[in-house]
């Protein structure tokens, strides 16, 4: 059985940073041959690791520590006025949990989302192969959350269940219904789902100060940051 002590890690060569212009990045990956149980995945998440497909990784840059893992202690969370409005706006949406498999209508939605919202990013242009490796190749604890309006899927969240929380892997939705702010609603749903499952945390990935794409994460309080090997409360 693979354990934290027996894991082997690999670092990538330097490459252009996806978030900070002019910066170089290095990523540390867990050996892809390792058998990652939910228990081990939980321990890795507590050390600031994330999952993408069947890869578990953490930033490992030599001259920059801007990427900070963040999580929300859900039992201390109180929604803001705007978050309460978001919940009210989305009353009536159906939600259903499905196995993490390839569904053509999911991919069609993903393709539309990436092409419309992230045409300047690393995932453009989307392909079925890239989609499968990113979201369908997953951990045994993964599930898909569908958001439906009048029976039609308008958004999907990819979520991992850990021993101490949920990990919000990715959310995509129909850009035509952006007024619903499904990204926000998905996080609020996952917060409540953590409580329903008696889990303590919602892991939200990485946050970079002054990065517009990530600033939304600080809207969920009290946020905890993984800094210098320990979780600490965000106070800004």
C-alpha atoms as a PDB file:
ATOM      1  CA  UNK A   1       0.000   0.000   0.000  1.00  0.00           C
ATOM      2  CA  UNK A   2       1.366   3.409  -1.002  1.00  0.00           C
ATOM      3  CA  UNK A   3       1.864   5.799   1.904  1.00  0.00           C
ATOM      4  CA  UNK A   4       2.999   9.390   2.288  1.00  0.00           C
ATOM      5  CA  UNK A   5       6.428   8.146   3.389  1.00  0.00           C
ATOM      6  CA  UNK A   6       6.931   5.928   0.326  1.00  0.00           C
ATOM      7  CA  UNK A   7       5.665   8.360  -2.305  1.00  0.00           C
ATOM      8  CA  UNK A   8       8.096   9.468  -5.004  1.00  0.00           C
ATOM      9  CA  UNK A   9       7.836  13.024  -6.375  1.00  0.00           C
ATOM     10  CA  UNK A  10       9.013  14.519  -9.651  1.00  0.00           C
ATOM     11  CA  UNK A  11       9.543  18.163 -10.613  1.00  0.00           C
ATOM     12  CA  UNK A  12       8.900  19.492 -14.105  1.00  0.00           C
ATOM     13  CA  UNK A  13      11.354  21.706 -16.002  1.00  0.00           C
ATOM     14  CA  UNK A  14      10.618  25.417 -15.770  1.00  0.00           C
ATOM     15  CA  UNK A  15       7.750  26.590 -17.958  1.00  0.00           C
ATOM     16  CA  UNK A  16       5.798  29.810 -18.479  1.00  0.00           C
ATOM     17  CA  UNK A  17       3.469  30.555 -15.572  1.00  0.00           C
ATOM     18  CA  UNK A  18      -0.226  30.377 -16.450  1.00  0.00           C
ATOM     19  CA  UNK A  19      -1.163  33.129 -14.002  1.00  0.00           C
ATOM     20  CA  UNK A  20       1.671  35.629 -13.620  1.00  0.00           C
ATOM     21  CA  UNK A  21       3.013  37.209 -16.773  1.00  0.00           C
ATOM     22  CA  UNK A  22       6.755  36.998 -17.180  1.00  0.00           C
ATOM     23  CA  UNK A  23       7.142  34.394 -14.425  1.00  0.00           C
ATOM     24  CA  UNK A  24       8.500  30.876 -14.753  1.00  0.00           C
ATOM     25  CA  UNK A  25       6.894  27.980 -12.903  1.00  0.00           C
ATOM     26  CA  UNK A  26       7.885  24.529 -11.727  1.00  0.00           C
ATOM     27  CA  UNK A  27       5.392  21.872 -10.670  1.00  0.00           C
ATOM     28  CA  UNK A  28       5.927  18.936  -8.316  1.00  0.00           C
ATOM     29  CA  UNK A  29       4.010  15.782  -9.280  1.00  0.00           C
ATOM     30  CA  UNK A  30       3.328  12.603  -7.362  1.00  0.00           C
ATOM     31  CA  UNK A  31       4.629   9.524  -9.174  1.00  0.00           C
ATOM     32  CA  UNK A  32       1.736   8.682 -11.561  1.00  0.00           C
ATOM     33  CA  UNK A  33       2.292   4.964 -10.880  1.00  0.00           C
ATOM     34  CA  UNK A  34       1.392   5.413  -7.204  1.00  0.00           C
ATOM     35  CA  UNK A  35      -1.873   4.021  -5.880  1.00  0.00           C
ATOM     36  CA  UNK A  36      -3.582   7.049  -4.341  1.00  0.00           C
ATOM     37  CA  UNK A  37      -6.255   6.015  -1.849  1.00  0.00           C
ATOM     38  CA  UNK A  38      -8.773   8.488  -0.451  1.00  0.00           C
ATOM     39  CA  UNK A  39      -6.829   8.474   2.823  1.00  0.00           C
ATOM     40  CA  UNK A  40      -3.591   9.363   1.042  1.00  0.00           C
ATOM     41  CA  UNK A  41      -5.351  11.915  -1.166  1.00  0.00           C
ATOM     42  CA  UNK A  42      -6.670  13.572   2.006  1.00  0.00           C
ATOM     43  CA  UNK A  43      -3.158  13.803   3.431  1.00  0.00           C
ATOM     44  CA  UNK A  44      -1.841  15.268   0.173  1.00  0.00           C
ATOM     45  CA  UNK A  45      -4.643  17.850   0.117  1.00  0.00           C
ATOM     46  CA  UNK A  46      -3.760  18.854   3.671  1.00  0.00           C
ATOM     47  CA  UNK A  47      -0.237  19.521   2.344  1.00  0.00           C
ATOM     48  CA  UNK A  48      -1.472  21.777  -0.444  1.00  0.00           C
ATOM     49  CA  UNK A  49      -1.690  19.284  -3.318  1.00  0.00           C
ATOM     50  CA  UNK A  50      -4.394  19.279  -6.001  1.00  0.00           C
ATOM     51  CA  UNK A  51      -5.649  16.750  -8.529  1.00  0.00           C
ATOM     52  CA  UNK A  52      -5.938  17.148 -12.305  1.00  0.00           C
ATOM     53  CA  UNK A  53      -7.030  13.960 -14.040  1.00  0.00           C
ATOM     54  CA  UNK A  54      -4.902  11.192 -12.573  1.00  0.00           C
ATOM     55  CA  UNK A  55      -2.098  13.604 -11.627  1.00  0.00           C
ATOM     56  CA  UNK A  56      -1.547  15.004  -8.127  1.00  0.00           C
ATOM     57  CA  UNK A  57       0.547  18.159  -8.033  1.00  0.00           C
ATOM     58  CA  UNK A  58       1.704  21.227  -6.141  1.00  0.00           C
ATOM     59  CA  UNK A  59       3.544  24.378  -7.301  1.00  0.00           C
ATOM     60  CA  UNK A  60       7.270  24.079  -6.611  1.00  0.00           C
ATOM     61  CA  UNK A  61       8.748  27.311  -7.975  1.00  0.00           C
ATOM     62  CA  UNK A  62      12.262  28.336  -6.969  1.00  0.00           C
ATOM     63  CA  UNK A  63      11.780  32.115  -6.776  1.00  0.00           C
ATOM     64  CA  UNK A  64       8.027  32.515  -6.215  1.00  0.00           C
ATOM     65  CA  UNK A  65       5.478  31.279  -3.672  1.00  0.00           C
ATOM     66  CA  UNK A  66       2.473  33.214  -4.930  1.00  0.00           C
ATOM     67  CA  UNK A  67       0.267  30.131  -5.421  1.00  0.00           C
ATOM     68  CA  UNK A  68      -1.346  29.403  -2.067  1.00  0.00           C
ATOM     69  CA  UNK A  69      -3.639  26.441  -1.358  1.00  0.00           C
ATOM     70  CA  UNK A  70      -6.901  27.553   0.286  1.00  0.00           C
ATOM     71  CA  UNK A  71      -9.773  25.825   2.031  1.00  0.00           C
ATOM     72  CA  UNK A  72     -12.961  26.846   3.825  1.00  0.00           C
ATOM     73  CA  UNK A  73     -13.960  25.510   7.267  1.00  0.00           C
ATOM     74  CA  UNK A  74     -17.611  25.076   6.301  1.00  0.00           C
ATOM     75  CA  UNK A  75     -19.123  25.080   9.785  1.00  0.00           C
ATOM     76  CA  UNK A  76     -17.839  28.630  10.333  1.00  0.00           C
ATOM     77  CA  UNK A  77     -19.171  29.947   7.025  1.00  0.00           C
ATOM     78  CA  UNK A  78     -22.032  32.444   6.865  1.00  0.00           C
ATOM     79  CA  UNK A  79     -23.198  33.528   3.396  1.00  0.00           C
ATOM     80  CA  UNK A  80     -22.944  37.188   2.483  1.00  0.00           C
ATOM     81  CA  UNK A  81     -25.890  39.194   1.184  1.00  0.00           C
ATOM     82  CA  UNK A  82     -24.824  38.656  -2.430  1.00  0.00           C
ATOM     83  CA  UNK A  83     -24.393  34.919  -1.821  1.00  0.00           C
ATOM     84  CA  UNK A  84     -27.879  34.750  -0.299  1.00  0.00           C
ATOM     85  CA  UNK A  85     -29.197  36.492  -3.434  1.00  0.00           C
ATOM     86  CA  UNK A  86     -27.414  33.905  -5.553  1.00  0.00           C
ATOM     87  CA  UNK A  87     -29.116  31.082  -3.677  1.00  0.00           C
ATOM     88  CA  UNK A  88     -32.493  32.754  -4.107  1.00  0.00           C
ATOM     89  CA  UNK A  89     -31.820  33.327  -7.815  1.00  0.00           C
ATOM     90  CA  UNK A  90     -31.179  29.638  -8.349  1.00  0.00           C
ATOM     91  CA  UNK A  91     -34.139  28.265  -6.433  1.00  0.00           C
ATOM     92  CA  UNK A  92     -35.815  25.793  -8.740  1.00  0.00           C
ATOM     93  CA  UNK A  93     -32.641  24.431 -10.300  1.00  0.00           C
ATOM     94  CA  UNK A  94     -32.468  20.656 -10.115  1.00  0.00           C
ATOM     95  CA  UNK A  95     -29.265  18.973  -8.975  1.00  0.00           C
ATOM     96  CA  UNK A  96     -28.275  15.354  -9.486  1.00  0.00           C
ATOM     97  CA  UNK A  97     -25.116  13.351  -8.811  1.00  0.00           C
ATOM     98  CA  UNK A  98     -23.786  11.116 -11.590  1.00  0.00           C
ATOM     99  CA  UNK A  99     -20.769   8.795 -11.942  1.00  0.00           C
ATOM    100  CA  UNK A 100     -17.581  10.377 -13.368  1.00  0.00           C
ATOM    101  CA  UNK A 101     -17.913   9.048 -16.898  1.00  0.00           C
ATOM    102  CA  UNK A 102     -17.778  10.538 -20.392  1.00  0.00           C
ATOM    103  CA  UNK A 103     -21.136  11.973 -21.429  1.00  0.00           C
ATOM    104  CA  UNK A 104     -21.366  13.623 -24.821  1.00  0.00           C
ATOM    105  CA  UNK A 105     -23.739  16.347 -23.605  1.00  0.00           C
ATOM    106  CA  UNK A 106     -21.287  17.165 -20.793  1.00  0.00           C
ATOM    107  CA  UNK A 107     -18.439  17.512 -23.253  1.00  0.00           C
ATOM    108  CA  UNK A 108     -20.530  19.685 -25.589  1.00  0.00           C
ATOM    109  CA  UNK A 109     -21.210  22.015 -22.654  1.00  0.00           C
ATOM    110  CA  UNK A 110     -17.530  22.016 -21.653  1.00  0.00           C
ATOM    111  CA  UNK A 111     -16.438  22.782 -25.213  1.00  0.00           C
ATOM    112  CA  UNK A 112     -18.825  25.733 -25.386  1.00  0.00           C
ATOM    113  CA  UNK A 113     -17.689  26.998 -21.980  1.00  0.00           C
ATOM    114  CA  UNK A 114     -13.961  26.864 -22.730  1.00  0.00           C
ATOM    115  CA  UNK A 115     -14.361  28.379 -26.202  1.00  0.00           C
ATOM    116  CA  UNK A 116     -16.450  31.250 -24.849  1.00  0.00           C
ATOM    117  CA  UNK A 117     -14.936  31.951 -21.424  1.00  0.00           C
ATOM    118  CA  UNK A 118     -11.334  30.736 -21.640  1.00  0.00           C
ATOM    119  CA  UNK A 119     -10.206  31.122 -25.233  1.00  0.00           C
ATOM    120  CA  UNK A 120      -7.041  32.806 -23.914  1.00  0.00           C
ATOM    121  CA  UNK A 121      -6.153  29.945 -21.558  1.00  0.00           C
ATOM    122  CA  UNK A 122      -4.159  26.722 -21.581  1.00  0.00           C
ATOM    123  CA  UNK A 123      -7.228  24.546 -22.186  1.00  0.00           C
ATOM    124  CA  UNK A 124      -8.126  26.200 -25.494  1.00  0.00           C
ATOM    125  CA  UNK A 125      -8.928  24.766 -27.958  1.00  0.00           C
ATOM    126  CA  UNK A 126     -10.822  22.031 -26.106  1.00  0.00           C
ATOM    127  CA  UNK A 127     -10.699  18.454 -27.383  1.00  0.00           C
ATOM    128  CA  UNK A 128     -12.336  15.250 -26.217  1.00  0.00           C
ATOM    129  CA  UNK A 129      -8.927  13.793 -25.382  1.00  0.00           C
ATOM    130  CA  UNK A 130      -8.005  16.803 -23.236  1.00  0.00           C
ATOM    131  CA  UNK A 131     -11.420  16.742 -21.533  1.00  0.00           C
ATOM    132  CA  UNK A 132     -11.129  13.039 -20.721  1.00  0.00           C
ATOM    133  CA  UNK A 133      -7.618  13.377 -19.288  1.00  0.00           C
ATOM    134  CA  UNK A 134      -8.583  16.454 -17.258  1.00  0.00           C
ATOM    135  CA  UNK A 135     -11.967  15.515 -15.818  1.00  0.00           C
ATOM    136  CA  UNK A 136     -12.987  11.949 -16.665  1.00  0.00           C
ATOM    137  CA  UNK A 137      -9.754  10.269 -15.562  1.00  0.00           C
ATOM    138  CA  UNK A 138     -10.298  10.661 -11.854  1.00  0.00           C
ATOM    139  CA  UNK A 139      -9.993   9.404  -8.306  1.00  0.00           C
ATOM    140  CA  UNK A 140     -12.375   6.681  -7.021  1.00  0.00           C
ATOM    141  CA  UNK A 141     -13.932   9.316  -4.742  1.00  0.00           C
ATOM    142  CA  UNK A 142     -14.914  11.622  -7.626  1.00  0.00           C
ATOM    143  CA  UNK A 143     -18.501  12.441  -8.570  1.00  0.00           C
ATOM    144  CA  UNK A 144     -20.150  14.776 -11.067  1.00  0.00           C
ATOM    145  CA  UNK A 145     -22.808  17.236  -9.936  1.00  0.00           C
ATOM    146  CA  UNK A 146     -25.281  18.268 -12.630  1.00  0.00           C
ATOM    147  CA  UNK A 147     -27.294  21.490 -12.538  1.00  0.00           C
ATOM    148  CA  UNK A 148     -30.484  21.246 -14.572  1.00  0.00           C
ATOM    149  CA  UNK A 149     -33.025  23.802 -15.727  1.00  0.00           C
ATOM    150  CA  UNK A 150     -36.283  22.435 -17.145  1.00  0.00           C
ATOM    151  CA  UNK A 151     -34.644  19.046 -17.432  1.00  0.00           C
ATOM    152  CA  UNK A 152     -31.623  20.278 -19.403  1.00  0.00           C
ATOM    153  CA  UNK A 153     -28.093  20.152 -17.975  1.00  0.00           C
ATOM    154  CA  UNK A 154     -26.765  23.724 -17.842  1.00  0.00           C
ATOM    155  CA  UNK A 155     -23.749  23.186 -15.598  1.00  0.00           C
ATOM    156  CA  UNK A 156     -21.494  20.480 -14.186  1.00  0.00           C
ATOM    157  CA  UNK A 157     -19.170  20.438 -11.172  1.00  0.00           C
ATOM    158  CA  UNK A 158     -16.436  17.846 -10.737  1.00  0.00           C
ATOM    159  CA  UNK A 159     -15.979  17.103  -7.021  1.00  0.00           C
ATOM    160  CA  UNK A 160     -13.790  14.785  -4.968  1.00  0.00           C
ATOM    161  CA  UNK A 161     -14.757  13.510  -1.540  1.00  0.00           C
ATOM    162  CA  UNK A 162     -11.906  13.347   0.974  1.00  0.00           C
ATOM    163  CA  UNK A 163     -11.901  12.030   4.526  1.00  0.00           C
ATOM    164  CA  UNK A 164     -12.182  15.553   5.934  1.00  0.00           C
ATOM    165  CA  UNK A 165     -13.908  17.490   3.169  1.00  0.00           C
ATOM    166  CA  UNK A 166     -14.813  17.965  -0.463  1.00  0.00           C
ATOM    167  CA  UNK A 167     -12.376  19.201  -3.098  1.00  0.00           C
ATOM    168  CA  UNK A 168     -13.853  21.493  -5.747  1.00  0.00           C
ATOM    169  CA  UNK A 169     -11.994  20.315  -8.861  1.00  0.00           C
ATOM    170  CA  UNK A 170     -13.733  22.225 -11.664  1.00  0.00           C
ATOM    171  CA  UNK A 171     -17.060  23.742 -12.697  1.00  0.00           C
ATOM    172  CA  UNK A 172     -18.262  24.592 -16.189  1.00  0.00           C
ATOM    173  CA  UNK A 173     -21.626  25.817 -17.427  1.00  0.00           C
ATOM    174  CA  UNK A 174     -23.546  27.207 -20.381  1.00  0.00           C
ATOM    175  CA  UNK A 175     -22.144  30.733 -20.959  1.00  0.00           C
ATOM    176  CA  UNK A 176     -25.599  31.813 -22.121  1.00  0.00           C
ATOM    177  CA  UNK A 177     -26.866  31.611 -18.531  1.00  0.00           C
ATOM    178  CA  UNK A 178     -23.937  33.418 -16.912  1.00  0.00           C
ATOM    179  CA  UNK A 179     -26.390  35.677 -15.044  1.00  0.00           C
ATOM    180  CA  UNK A 180     -27.119  32.749 -12.729  1.00  0.00           C
ATOM    181  CA  UNK A 181     -23.472  32.766 -11.531  1.00  0.00           C
ATOM    182  CA  UNK A 182     -23.379  28.980 -11.384  1.00  0.00           C
ATOM    183  CA  UNK A 183     -19.736  29.052 -10.301  1.00  0.00           C
ATOM    184  CA  UNK A 184     -20.806  30.788  -7.086  1.00  0.00           C
ATOM    185  CA  UNK A 185     -23.866  28.584  -6.665  1.00  0.00           C
ATOM    186  CA  UNK A 186     -21.764  25.449  -7.066  1.00  0.00           C
ATOM    187  CA  UNK A 187     -19.436  26.481  -4.231  1.00  0.00           C
ATOM    188  CA  UNK A 188     -22.412  27.310  -1.998  1.00  0.00           C
ATOM    189  CA  UNK A 189     -23.945  23.920  -2.824  1.00  0.00           C
ATOM    190  CA  UNK A 190     -20.685  22.161  -1.988  1.00  0.00           C
ATOM    191  CA  UNK A 191     -20.447  23.998   1.340  1.00  0.00           C
ATOM    192  CA  UNK A 192     -23.884  22.678   2.286  1.00  0.00           C
ATOM    193  CA  UNK A 193     -23.008  19.215   0.975  1.00  0.00           C
ATOM    194  CA  UNK A 194     -19.964  19.151   3.252  1.00  0.00           C
ATOM    195  CA  UNK A 195     -22.264  19.829   6.176  1.00  0.00           C
ATOM    196  CA  UNK A 196     -24.706  17.137   5.057  1.00  0.00           C
ATOM    197  CA  UNK A 197     -21.833  14.635   4.920  1.00  0.00           C
ATOM    198  CA  UNK A 198     -20.358  15.831   8.259  1.00  0.00           C
ATOM    199  CA  UNK A 199     -17.157  16.999   6.547  1.00  0.00           C
ATOM    200  CA  UNK A 200     -15.142  19.937   7.854  1.00  0.00           C
ATOM    201  CA  UNK A 201     -13.588  21.579   4.791  1.00  0.00           C
ATOM    202  CA  UNK A 202     -14.149  22.597   1.216  1.00  0.00           C
ATOM    203  CA  UNK A 203     -10.807  22.694  -0.604  1.00  0.00           C
ATOM    204  CA  UNK A 204     -10.838  25.448  -3.229  1.00  0.00           C
ATOM    205  CA  UNK A 205      -7.502  24.994  -4.978  1.00  0.00           C
ATOM    206  CA  UNK A 206      -4.952  27.780  -5.315  1.00  0.00           C
ATOM    207  CA  UNK A 207      -5.251  31.495  -4.728  1.00  0.00           C
ATOM    208  CA  UNK A 208      -2.855  34.177  -5.949  1.00  0.00           C
ATOM    209  CA  UNK A 209      -3.040  37.657  -4.492  1.00  0.00           C
ATOM    210  CA  UNK A 210      -3.858  40.303  -7.120  1.00  0.00           C
ATOM    211  CA  UNK A 211      -4.797  37.648  -9.691  1.00  0.00           C
ATOM    212  CA  UNK A 212      -8.215  38.585 -11.064  1.00  0.00           C
ATOM    213  CA  UNK A 213      -9.130  35.011 -12.005  1.00  0.00           C
ATOM    214  CA  UNK A 214      -8.691  33.851  -8.420  1.00  0.00           C
ATOM    215  CA  UNK A 215      -9.894  36.763  -6.343  1.00  0.00           C
ATOM    216  CA  UNK A 216     -13.399  35.263  -6.053  1.00  0.00           C
ATOM    217  CA  UNK A 217     -12.074  32.685  -3.576  1.00  0.00           C
ATOM    218  CA  UNK A 218     -11.567  35.319  -0.873  1.00  0.00           C
ATOM    219  CA  UNK A 219     -15.327  35.992  -0.927  1.00  0.00           C
ATOM    220  CA  UNK A 220     -15.832  32.820   1.099  1.00  0.00           C
ATOM    221  CA  UNK A 221     -14.923  33.442   4.726  1.00  0.00           C
ATOM    222  CA  UNK A 222     -13.293  32.440   6.961  1.00  0.00           C
ATOM    223  CA  UNK A 223     -10.733  31.252   4.416  1.00  0.00           C
ATOM    224  CA  UNK A 224      -7.661  29.280   5.447  1.00  0.00           C
ATOM    225  CA  UNK A 225      -4.337  29.495   3.591  1.00  0.00           C
ATOM    226  CA  UNK A 226      -1.575  26.877   3.572  1.00  0.00           C
ATOM    227  CA  UNK A 227       1.530  28.918   4.389  1.00  0.00           C
ATOM    228  CA  UNK A 228       4.924  27.661   5.575  1.00  0.00           C
ATOM    229  CA  UNK A 229       3.603  24.165   6.121  1.00  0.00           C
ATOM    230  CA  UNK A 230       0.503  25.014   8.130  1.00  0.00           C
ATOM    231  CA  UNK A 231      -3.040  26.262   7.653  1.00  0.00           C
ATOM    232  CA  UNK A 232      -3.601  29.827   8.812  1.00  0.00           C
ATOM    233  CA  UNK A 233      -6.588  32.173   8.747  1.00  0.00           C
ATOM    234  CA  UNK A 234      -6.811  34.711   5.908  1.00  0.00           C
ATOM    235  CA  UNK A 235      -7.097  38.164   7.496  1.00  0.00           C
ATOM    236  CA  UNK A 236      -7.119  40.693   4.611  1.00  0.00           C
END
